[in-house]
mmCIF file of all heavy atoms, coordinates in Angstrom:
data_MODEL
# 
_entry.id   MODEL 
# 
loop_
_atom_site.group_PDB 
_atom_site.id 
_atom_site.type_symbol 
_atom_site.label_atom_id 
_atom_site.label_alt_id 
_atom_site.label_comp_id 
_atom_site.label_asym_id 
_atom_site.label_entity_id 
_atom_site.label_seq_id 
_atom_site.pdbx_PDB_ins_code 
_atom_site.Cartn_x 
_atom_site.Cartn_y 
_atom_site.Cartn_z 
_atom_site.occupancy 
_atom_site.B_iso_or_equiv 
_atom_site.pdbx_formal_charge 
_atom_site.auth_seq_id 
_atom_site.auth_comp_id 
_atom_site.auth_asym_id 
_atom_site.auth_atom_id 
_atom_site.pdbx_PDB_model_num 
ATOM 1   N N   . ILE A 1 1  ? -0.675 22.824 25.356 1.00 0.00 ? 1  ILE A N   1 
ATOM 2   C CA  . ILE A 1 1  ? 0.187  23.542 24.425 1.00 0.00 ? 1  ILE A CA  1 
ATOM 3   C C   . ILE A 1 1  ? -0.451 23.476 23.039 1.00 0.00 ? 1  ILE A C   1 
ATOM 4   O O   . ILE A 1 1  ? -1.017 22.446 22.655 1.00 0.00 ? 1  ILE A O   1 
ATOM 5   C CB  . ILE A 1 1  ? 1.603  22.929 24.385 1.00 0.00 ? 1  ILE A CB  1 
ATOM 6   C CG1 . ILE A 1 1  ? 2.141  22.706 25.804 1.00 0.00 ? 1  ILE A CG1 1 
ATOM 7   C CG2 . ILE A 1 1  ? 2.569  23.826 23.610 1.00 0.00 ? 1  ILE A CG2 1 
ATOM 8   C CD1 . ILE A 1 1  ? 3.384  21.848 25.861 1.00 0.00 ? 1  ILE A CD1 1 
ATOM 9   N N   . CYS A 1 2  ? -0.298 24.569 22.269 1.00 0.00 ? 2  CYS A N   1 
ATOM 10  C CA  . CYS A 1 2  ? -1.027 24.730 20.997 1.00 0.00 ? 2  CYS A CA  1 
ATOM 11  C C   . CYS A 1 2  ? -0.857 23.555 20.038 1.00 0.00 ? 2  CYS A C   1 
ATOM 12  O O   . CYS A 1 2  ? -1.796 22.797 19.782 1.00 0.00 ? 2  CYS A O   1 
ATOM 13  C CB  . CYS A 1 2  ? -0.566 25.998 20.277 1.00 0.00 ? 2  CYS A CB  1 
ATOM 14  S SG  . CYS A 1 2  ? -0.664 27.520 21.233 1.00 0.00 ? 2  CYS A SG  1 
ATOM 15  N N   . GLN A 1 3  ? 0.321  23.430 19.450 1.00 0.00 ? 3  GLN A N   1 
ATOM 16  C CA  . GLN A 1 3  ? 0.558  22.503 18.349 1.00 0.00 ? 3  GLN A CA  1 
ATOM 17  C C   . GLN A 1 3  ? 0.257  21.049 18.719 1.00 0.00 ? 3  GLN A C   1 
ATOM 18  O O   . GLN A 1 3  ? -0.467 20.357 17.995 1.00 0.00 ? 3  GLN A O   1 
ATOM 19  C CB  . GLN A 1 3  ? 1.992  22.653 17.850 1.00 0.00 ? 3  GLN A CB  1 
ATOM 20  C CG  . GLN A 1 3  ? 2.286  21.959 16.531 1.00 0.00 ? 3  GLN A CG  1 
ATOM 21  C CD  . GLN A 1 3  ? 3.668  22.328 16.001 1.00 0.00 ? 3  GLN A CD  1 
ATOM 22  O OE1 . GLN A 1 3  ? 4.428  23.057 16.638 1.00 0.00 ? 3  GLN A OE1 1 
ATOM 23  N NE2 . GLN A 1 3  ? 4.012  21.834 14.827 1.00 0.00 ? 3  GLN A NE2 1 
ATOM 24  N N   . PRO A 1 4  ? 0.767  20.543 19.847 1.00 0.00 ? 4  PRO A N   1 
ATOM 25  C CA  . PRO A 1 4  ? 0.481  19.148 20.156 1.00 0.00 ? 4  PRO A CA  1 
ATOM 26  C C   . PRO A 1 4  ? -0.977 18.863 20.484 1.00 0.00 ? 4  PRO A C   1 
ATOM 27  O O   . PRO A 1 4  ? -1.491 17.793 20.152 1.00 0.00 ? 4  PRO A O   1 
ATOM 28  C CB  . PRO A 1 4  ? 1.403  18.845 21.349 1.00 0.00 ? 4  PRO A CB  1 
ATOM 29  C CG  . PRO A 1 4  ? 1.795  20.167 21.891 1.00 0.00 ? 4  PRO A CG  1 
ATOM 30  C CD  . PRO A 1 4  ? 1.776  21.121 20.757 1.00 0.00 ? 4  PRO A CD  1 
ATOM 31  N N   . ASN A 1 5  ? -1.681 19.798 21.127 1.00 0.00 ? 5  ASN A N   1 
ATOM 32  C CA  . ASN A 1 5  ? -3.088 19.505 21.421 1.00 0.00 ? 5  ASN A CA  1 
ATOM 33  C C   . ASN A 1 5  ? -3.940 19.553 20.161 1.00 0.00 ? 5  ASN A C   1 
ATOM 34  O O   . ASN A 1 5  ? -4.916 18.803 20.030 1.00 0.00 ? 5  ASN A O   1 
ATOM 35  C CB  . ASN A 1 5  ? -3.654 20.452 22.474 1.00 0.00 ? 5  ASN A CB  1 
ATOM 36  C CG  . ASN A 1 5  ? -4.875 19.851 23.152 1.00 0.00 ? 5  ASN A CG  1 
ATOM 37  O OD1 . ASN A 1 5  ? -4.829 18.758 23.701 1.00 0.00 ? 5  ASN A OD1 1 
ATOM 38  N ND2 . ASN A 1 5  ? -6.003 20.550 23.066 1.00 0.00 ? 5  ASN A ND2 1 
ATOM 39  N N   . ARG A 1 6  ? -3.562 20.401 19.208 1.00 0.00 ? 6  ARG A N   1 
ATOM 40  C CA  . ARG A 1 6  ? -4.270 20.397 17.924 1.00 0.00 ? 6  ARG A CA  1 
ATOM 41  C C   . ARG A 1 6  ? -4.029 19.083 17.185 1.00 0.00 ? 6  ARG A C   1 
ATOM 42  O O   . ARG A 1 6  ? -4.935 18.554 16.529 1.00 0.00 ? 6  ARG A O   1 
ATOM 43  C CB  . ARG A 1 6  ? -3.824 21.599 17.086 1.00 0.00 ? 6  ARG A CB  1 
ATOM 44  C CG  . ARG A 1 6  ? -4.385 22.921 17.607 1.00 0.00 ? 6  ARG A CG  1 
ATOM 45  C CD  . ARG A 1 6  ? -3.768 24.143 16.947 1.00 0.00 ? 6  ARG A CD  1 
ATOM 46  N NE  . ARG A 1 6  ? -4.349 25.355 17.508 1.00 0.00 ? 6  ARG A NE  1 
ATOM 47  C CZ  . ARG A 1 6  ? -5.356 26.049 16.976 1.00 0.00 ? 6  ARG A CZ  1 
ATOM 48  N NH1 . ARG A 1 6  ? -5.886 25.647 15.819 1.00 0.00 ? 6  ARG A NH1 1 
ATOM 49  N NH2 . ARG A 1 6  ? -5.832 27.123 17.557 1.00 0.00 ? 6  ARG A NH2 1 
ATOM 50  N N   . ALA A 1 7  ? -2.819 18.534 17.298 1.00 0.00 ? 7  ALA A N   1 
ATOM 51  C CA  . ALA A 1 7  ? -2.553 17.229 16.691 1.00 0.00 ? 7  ALA A CA  1 
ATOM 52  C C   . ALA A 1 7  ? -3.392 16.144 17.359 1.00 0.00 ? 7  ALA A C   1 
ATOM 53  O O   . ALA A 1 7  ? -3.885 15.229 16.698 1.00 0.00 ? 7  ALA A O   1 
ATOM 54  C CB  . ALA A 1 7  ? -1.067 16.898 16.794 1.00 0.00 ? 7  ALA A CB  1 
ATOM 55  N N   . ALA A 1 8  ? -3.561 16.237 18.681 1.00 0.00 ? 8  ALA A N   1 
ATOM 56  C CA  . ALA A 1 8  ? -4.388 15.263 19.391 1.00 0.00 ? 8  ALA A CA  1 
ATOM 57  C C   . ALA A 1 8  ? -5.845 15.363 18.950 1.00 0.00 ? 8  ALA A C   1 
ATOM 58  O O   . ALA A 1 8  ? -6.521 14.342 18.764 1.00 0.00 ? 8  ALA A O   1 
ATOM 59  C CB  . ALA A 1 8  ? -4.273 15.486 20.901 1.00 0.00 ? 8  ALA A CB  1 
ATOM 60  N N   . LEU A 1 9  ? -6.341 16.568 18.778 1.00 0.00 ? 9  LEU A N   1 
ATOM 61  C CA  . LEU A 1 9  ? -7.711 16.759 18.298 1.00 0.00 ? 9  LEU A CA  1 
ATOM 62  C C   . LEU A 1 9  ? -7.898 16.167 16.905 1.00 0.00 ? 9  LEU A C   1 
ATOM 63  O O   . LEU A 1 9  ? -8.926 15.556 16.612 1.00 0.00 ? 9  LEU A O   1 
ATOM 64  C CB  . LEU A 1 9  ? -8.058 18.252 18.275 1.00 0.00 ? 9  LEU A CB  1 
ATOM 65  C CG  . LEU A 1 9  ? -8.269 18.931 19.631 1.00 0.00 ? 9  LEU A CG  1 
ATOM 66  C CD1 . LEU A 1 9  ? -8.185 20.445 19.489 1.00 0.00 ? 9  LEU A CD1 1 
ATOM 67  C CD2 . LEU A 1 9  ? -9.618 18.530 20.230 1.00 0.00 ? 9  LEU A CD2 1 
ATOM 68  N N   . MET A 1 10 ? -6.907 16.343 16.039 1.00 0.00 ? 10 MET A N   1 
ATOM 69  C CA  . MET A 1 10 ? -7.022 15.877 14.657 1.00 0.00 ? 10 MET A CA  1 
ATOM 70  C C   . MET A 1 10 ? -6.891 14.359 14.538 1.00 0.00 ? 10 MET A C   1 
ATOM 71  O O   . MET A 1 10 ? -7.580 13.736 13.725 1.00 0.00 ? 10 MET A O   1 
ATOM 72  C CB  . MET A 1 10 ? -5.955 16.544 13.791 1.00 0.00 ? 10 MET A CB  1 
ATOM 73  C CG  . MET A 1 10 ? -6.159 18.038 13.561 1.00 0.00 ? 10 MET A CG  1 
ATOM 74  S SD  . MET A 1 10 ? -7.680 18.409 12.672 1.00 0.00 ? 10 MET A SD  1 
ATOM 75  C CE  . MET A 1 10 ? -7.373 17.607 11.112 1.00 0.00 ? 10 MET A CE  1 
ATOM 76  N N   . THR A 1 11 ? -5.998 13.760 15.333 1.00 0.00 ? 11 THR A N   1 
ATOM 77  C CA  . THR A 1 11 ? -5.680 12.344 15.167 1.00 0.00 ? 11 THR A CA  1 
ATOM 78  C C   . THR A 1 11 ? -6.389 11.428 16.157 1.00 0.00 ? 11 THR A C   1 
ATOM 79  O O   . THR A 1 11 ? -6.407 10.209 15.957 1.00 0.00 ? 11 THR A O   1 
ATOM 80  C CB  . THR A 1 11 ? -4.168 12.108 15.320 1.00 0.00 ? 11 THR A CB  1 
ATOM 81  O OG1 . THR A 1 11 ? -3.774 12.459 16.666 1.00 0.00 ? 11 THR A OG1 1 
ATOM 82  C CG2 . THR A 1 11 ? -3.377 12.940 14.325 1.00 0.00 ? 11 THR A CG2 1 
ATOM 83  N N   . GLY A 1 12 ? -6.937 11.993 17.240 1.00 0.00 ? 12 GLY A N   1 
ATOM 84  C CA  . GLY A 1 12 ? -7.512 11.156 18.278 1.00 0.00 ? 12 GLY A CA  1 
ATOM 85  C C   . GLY A 1 12 ? -6.473 10.360 19.034 1.00 0.00 ? 12 GLY A C   1 
ATOM 86  O O   . GLY A 1 12 ? -6.788 9.341  19.646 1.00 0.00 ? 12 GLY A O   1 
ATOM 87  N N   . GLN A 1 13 ? -5.227 10.842 19.038 1.00 0.00 ? 13 GLN A N   1 
ATOM 88  C CA  . GLN A 1 13 ? -4.124 10.121 19.683 1.00 0.00 ? 13 GLN A CA  1 
ATOM 89  C C   . GLN A 1 13 ? -3.413 11.004 20.697 1.00 0.00 ? 13 GLN A C   1 
ATOM 90  O O   . GLN A 1 13 ? -3.300 12.227 20.515 1.00 0.00 ? 13 GLN A O   1 
ATOM 91  C CB  . GLN A 1 13 ? -3.099 9.670  18.640 1.00 0.00 ? 13 GLN A CB  1 
ATOM 92  C CG  . GLN A 1 13 ? -3.601 8.621  17.669 1.00 0.00 ? 13 GLN A CG  1 
ATOM 93  C CD  . GLN A 1 13 ? -2.529 8.228  16.665 1.00 0.00 ? 13 GLN A CD  1 
ATOM 94  O OE1 . GLN A 1 13 ? -1.777 9.067  16.172 1.00 0.00 ? 13 GLN A OE1 1 
ATOM 95  N NE2 . GLN A 1 13 ? -2.447 6.937  16.359 1.00 0.00 ? 13 GLN A NE2 1 
ATOM 96  N N   . MET A 1 14 ? -2.894 10.369 21.746 1.00 0.00 ? 14 MET A N   1 
ATOM 97  C CA  . MET A 1 14 ? -2.045 11.063 22.703 1.00 0.00 ? 14 MET A CA  1 
ATOM 98  C C   . MET A 1 14 ? -0.792 11.572 21.990 1.00 0.00 ? 14 MET A C   1 
ATOM 99  O O   . MET A 1 14 ? -0.357 11.002 20.981 1.00 0.00 ? 14 MET A O   1 
ATOM 100 C CB  . MET A 1 14 ? -1.652 10.127 23.841 1.00 0.00 ? 14 MET A CB  1 
ATOM 101 C CG  . MET A 1 14 ? -2.815 9.586  24.662 1.00 0.00 ? 14 MET A CG  1 
ATOM 102 S SD  . MET A 1 14 ? -3.730 10.860 25.550 1.00 0.00 ? 14 MET A SD  1 
ATOM 103 C CE  . MET A 1 14 ? -2.492 11.485 26.690 1.00 0.00 ? 14 MET A CE  1 
ATOM 104 N N   . THR A 1 15 ? -0.197 12.613 22.537 1.00 0.00 ? 15 THR A N   1 
ATOM 105 C CA  . THR A 1 15 ? 0.990  13.185 21.904 1.00 0.00 ? 15 THR A CA  1 
ATOM 106 C C   . THR A 1 15 ? 2.159  12.208 21.913 1.00 0.00 ? 15 THR A C   1 
ATOM 107 O O   . THR A 1 15 ? 3.009  12.233 21.022 1.00 0.00 ? 15 THR A O   1 
ATOM 108 C CB  . THR A 1 15 ? 1.406  14.487 22.604 1.00 0.00 ? 15 THR A CB  1 
ATOM 109 O OG1 . THR A 1 15 ? 1.712  14.222 23.974 1.00 0.00 ? 15 THR A OG1 1 
ATOM 110 C CG2 . THR A 1 15 ? 0.286  15.505 22.556 1.00 0.00 ? 15 THR A CG2 1 
ATOM 111 N N   . SER A 1 16 ? 2.216  11.312 22.897 1.00 0.00 ? 16 SER A N   1 
ATOM 112 C CA  . SER A 1 16 ? 3.279  10.319 22.943 1.00 0.00 ? 16 SER A CA  1 
ATOM 113 C C   . SER A 1 16 ? 3.126  9.282  21.839 1.00 0.00 ? 16 SER A C   1 
ATOM 114 O O   . SER A 1 16 ? 4.065  8.541  21.542 1.00 0.00 ? 16 SER A O   1 
ATOM 115 C CB  . SER A 1 16 ? 3.291  9.613  24.307 1.00 0.00 ? 16 SER A CB  1 
ATOM 116 O OG  . SER A 1 16 ? 2.011  9.068  24.595 1.00 0.00 ? 16 SER A OG  1 
ATOM 117 N N   . VAL A 1 17 ? 1.955  9.239  21.209 1.00 0.00 ? 17 VAL A N   1 
ATOM 118 C CA  . VAL A 1 17 ? 1.707  8.289  20.129 1.00 0.00 ? 17 VAL A CA  1 
ATOM 119 C C   . VAL A 1 17 ? 1.787  8.970  18.764 1.00 0.00 ? 17 VAL A C   1 
ATOM 120 O O   . VAL A 1 17 ? 2.414  8.452  17.838 1.00 0.00 ? 17 VAL A O   1 
ATOM 121 C CB  . VAL A 1 17 ? 0.335  7.609  20.316 1.00 0.00 ? 17 VAL A CB  1 
ATOM 122 C CG1 . VAL A 1 17 ? -0.039 6.752  19.113 1.00 0.00 ? 17 VAL A CG1 1 
ATOM 123 C CG2 . VAL A 1 17 ? 0.345  6.767  21.585 1.00 0.00 ? 17 VAL A CG2 1 
ATOM 124 N N   . ASN A 1 18 ? 1.171  10.149 18.621 1.00 0.00 ? 18 ASN A N   1 
ATOM 125 C CA  . ASN A 1 18 ? 1.237  10.814 17.304 1.00 0.00 ? 18 ASN A CA  1 
ATOM 126 C C   . ASN A 1 18 ? 2.576  11.508 17.077 1.00 0.00 ? 18 ASN A C   1 
ATOM 127 O O   . ASN A 1 18 ? 2.863  11.956 15.965 1.00 0.00 ? 18 ASN A O   1 
ATOM 128 C CB  . ASN A 1 18 ? 0.061  11.774 17.101 1.00 0.00 ? 18 ASN A CB  1 
ATOM 129 C CG  . ASN A 1 18 ? 0.067  12.969 18.035 1.00 0.00 ? 18 ASN A CG  1 
ATOM 130 O OD1 . ASN A 1 18 ? 1.099  13.573 18.297 1.00 0.00 ? 18 ASN A OD1 1 
ATOM 131 N ND2 . ASN A 1 18 ? -1.110 13.335 18.543 1.00 0.00 ? 18 ASN A ND2 1 
ATOM 132 N N   . GLY A 1 19 ? 3.413  11.596 18.108 1.00 0.00 ? 19 GLY A N   1 
ATOM 133 C CA  . GLY A 1 19 ? 4.764  12.129 17.953 1.00 0.00 ? 19 GLY A CA  1 
ATOM 134 C C   . GLY A 1 19 ? 4.890  13.622 18.110 1.00 0.00 ? 19 GLY A C   1 
ATOM 135 O O   . GLY A 1 19 ? 5.992  14.143 18.270 1.00 0.00 ? 19 GLY A O   1 
ATOM 136 N N   . CYS A 1 20 ? 3.781  14.354 18.080 1.00 0.00 ? 20 CYS A N   1 
ATOM 137 C CA  . CYS A 1 20 ? 3.816  15.818 18.210 1.00 0.00 ? 20 CYS A CA  1 
ATOM 138 C C   . CYS A 1 20 ? 3.733  16.166 19.694 1.00 0.00 ? 20 CYS A C   1 
ATOM 139 O O   . CYS A 1 20 ? 2.706  16.615 20.183 1.00 0.00 ? 20 CYS A O   1 
ATOM 140 C CB  . CYS A 1 20 ? 2.663  16.441 17.427 1.00 0.00 ? 20 CYS A CB  1 
ATOM 141 S SG  . CYS A 1 20 ? 2.686  18.239 17.399 1.00 0.00 ? 20 CYS A SG  1 
ATOM 142 N N   . ARG A 1 21 ? 4.834  15.951 20.405 1.00 0.00 ? 21 ARG A N   1 
ATOM 143 C CA  . ARG A 1 21 ? 4.799  16.060 21.859 1.00 0.00 ? 21 ARG A CA  1 
ATOM 144 C C   . ARG A 1 21 ? 5.043  17.484 22.363 1.00 0.00 ? 21 ARG A C   1 
ATOM 145 O O   . ARG A 1 21 ? 4.873  17.749 23.552 1.00 0.00 ? 21 ARG A O   1 
ATOM 146 C CB  . ARG A 1 21 ? 5.821  15.099 22.476 1.00 0.00 ? 21 ARG A CB  1 
ATOM 147 C CG  . ARG A 1 21 ? 7.253  15.403 22.114 1.00 0.00 ? 21 ARG A CG  1 
ATOM 148 C CD  . ARG A 1 21 ? 8.228  14.372 22.673 1.00 0.00 ? 21 ARG A CD  1 
ATOM 149 N NE  . ARG A 1 21 ? 9.599  14.720 22.333 1.00 0.00 ? 21 ARG A NE  1 
ATOM 150 C CZ  . ARG A 1 21 ? 10.208 14.344 21.216 1.00 0.00 ? 21 ARG A CZ  1 
ATOM 151 N NH1 . ARG A 1 21 ? 9.550  13.601 20.344 1.00 0.00 ? 21 ARG A NH1 1 
ATOM 152 N NH2 . ARG A 1 21 ? 11.451 14.714 20.968 1.00 0.00 ? 21 ARG A NH2 1 
ATOM 153 N N   . GLN A 1 22 ? 5.461  18.396 21.481 1.00 0.00 ? 22 GLN A N   1 
ATOM 154 C CA  . GLN A 1 22 ? 5.733  19.774 21.908 1.00 0.00 ? 22 GLN A CA  1 
ATOM 155 C C   . GLN A 1 22 ? 5.620  20.688 20.699 1.00 0.00 ? 22 GLN A C   1 
ATOM 156 O O   . GLN A 1 22 ? 5.613  20.231 19.552 1.00 0.00 ? 22 GLN A O   1 
ATOM 157 C CB  . GLN A 1 22 ? 7.144  19.874 22.488 1.00 0.00 ? 22 GLN A CB  1 
ATOM 158 C CG  . GLN A 1 22 ? 8.236  19.654 21.440 1.00 0.00 ? 22 GLN A CG  1 
ATOM 159 C CD  . GLN A 1 22 ? 9.625  19.605 22.018 1.00 0.00 ? 22 GLN A CD  1 
ATOM 160 O OE1 . GLN A 1 22 ? 9.974  18.673 22.731 1.00 0.00 ? 22 GLN A OE1 1 
ATOM 161 N NE2 . GLN A 1 22 ? 10.422 20.638 21.715 1.00 0.00 ? 22 GLN A NE2 1 
ATOM 162 N N   . ASN A 1 23 ? 5.506  21.978 20.947 1.00 0.00 ? 23 ASN A N   1 
ATOM 163 C CA  . ASN A 1 23 ? 5.620  22.942 19.856 1.00 0.00 ? 23 ASN A CA  1 
ATOM 164 C C   . ASN A 1 23 ? 6.966  22.736 19.168 1.00 0.00 ? 23 ASN A C   1 
ATOM 165 O O   . ASN A 1 23 ? 7.991  22.590 19.827 1.00 0.00 ? 23 ASN A O   1 
ATOM 166 C CB  . ASN A 1 23 ? 5.532  24.371 20.379 1.00 0.00 ? 23 ASN A CB  1 
ATOM 167 C CG  . ASN A 1 23 ? 4.093  24.815 20.635 1.00 0.00 ? 23 ASN A CG  1 
ATOM 168 O OD1 . ASN A 1 23 ? 3.145  24.119 20.288 1.00 0.00 ? 23 ASN A OD1 1 
ATOM 169 N ND2 . ASN A 1 23 ? 3.940  25.983 21.236 1.00 0.00 ? 23 ASN A ND2 1 
ATOM 170 N N   . GLY A 1 24 ? 6.951  22.717 17.833 1.00 0.00 ? 24 GLY A N   1 
ATOM 171 C CA  . GLY A 1 24 ? 8.180  22.524 17.084 1.00 0.00 ? 24 GLY A CA  1 
ATOM 172 C C   . GLY A 1 24 ? 8.293  21.160 16.443 1.00 0.00 ? 24 GLY A C   1 
ATOM 173 O O   . GLY A 1 24 ? 9.244  20.905 15.706 1.00 0.00 ? 24 GLY A O   1 
ATOM 174 N N   . ILE A 1 25 ? 7.338  20.263 16.729 1.00 0.00 ? 25 ILE A N   1 
ATOM 175 C CA  . ILE A 1 25 ? 7.298  18.960 16.063 1.00 0.00 ? 25 ILE A CA  1 
ATOM 176 C C   . ILE A 1 25 ? 6.016  18.908 15.240 1.00 0.00 ? 25 ILE A C   1 
ATOM 177 O O   . ILE A 1 25 ? 4.920  18.899 15.794 1.00 0.00 ? 25 ILE A O   1 
ATOM 178 C CB  . ILE A 1 25 ? 7.338  17.791 17.056 1.00 0.00 ? 25 ILE A CB  1 
ATOM 179 C CG1 . ILE A 1 25 ? 8.618  17.839 17.901 1.00 0.00 ? 25 ILE A CG1 1 
ATOM 180 C CG2 . ILE A 1 25 ? 7.239  16.461 16.307 1.00 0.00 ? 25 ILE A CG2 1 
ATOM 181 C CD1 . ILE A 1 25 ? 8.708  16.737 18.939 1.00 0.00 ? 25 ILE A CD1 1 
ATOM 182 N N   . PRO A 1 26 ? 6.104  18.891 13.905 1.00 0.00 ? 26 PRO A N   1 
ATOM 183 C CA  . PRO A 1 26 ? 4.900  18.896 13.078 1.00 0.00 ? 26 PRO A CA  1 
ATOM 184 C C   . PRO A 1 26 ? 4.096  17.600 13.235 1.00 0.00 ? 26 PRO A C   1 
ATOM 185 O O   . PRO A 1 26 ? 4.628  16.557 13.626 1.00 0.00 ? 26 PRO A O   1 
ATOM 186 C CB  . PRO A 1 26 ? 5.433  19.018 11.649 1.00 0.00 ? 26 PRO A CB  1 
ATOM 187 C CG  . PRO A 1 26 ? 6.863  19.428 11.774 1.00 0.00 ? 26 PRO A CG  1 
ATOM 188 C CD  . PRO A 1 26 ? 7.336  18.905 13.099 1.00 0.00 ? 26 PRO A CD  1 
ATOM 189 N N   . MET A 1 27 ? 2.837  17.691 12.912 1.00 0.00 ? 27 MET A N   1 
ATOM 190 C CA  . MET A 1 27 ? 2.025  16.489 12.796 1.00 0.00 ? 27 MET A CA  1 
ATOM 191 C C   . MET A 1 27 ? 2.463  15.734 11.546 1.00 0.00 ? 27 MET A C   1 
ATOM 192 O O   . MET A 1 27 ? 2.675  16.333 10.487 1.00 0.00 ? 27 MET A O   1 
ATOM 193 C CB  . MET A 1 27 ? 0.540  16.879 12.701 1.00 0.00 ? 27 MET A CB  1 
ATOM 194 C CG  . MET A 1 27 ? -0.399 15.700 12.697 1.00 0.00 ? 27 MET A CG  1 
ATOM 195 S SD  . MET A 1 27 ? -2.105 16.162 13.071 1.00 0.00 ? 27 MET A SD  1 
ATOM 196 C CE  . MET A 1 27 ? -2.469 17.326 11.756 1.00 0.00 ? 27 MET A CE  1 
ATOM 197 N N   . GLY A 1 28 ? 2.642  14.429 11.665 1.00 0.00 ? 28 GLY A N   1 
ATOM 198 C CA  . GLY A 1 28 ? 3.141  13.651 10.552 1.00 0.00 ? 28 GLY A CA  1 
ATOM 199 C C   . GLY A 1 28 ? 2.217  13.691 9.343  1.00 0.00 ? 28 GLY A C   1 
ATOM 200 O O   . GLY A 1 28 ? 0.997  13.599 9.473  1.00 0.00 ? 28 GLY A O   1 
# 
């Protein structure tokens, strides 16, 4: 999914850790 995988690319973290687990949750 777009938004969470981009957060994973940016942070090097799984979505369950960076919190952006779905579209609609911003990267912190």
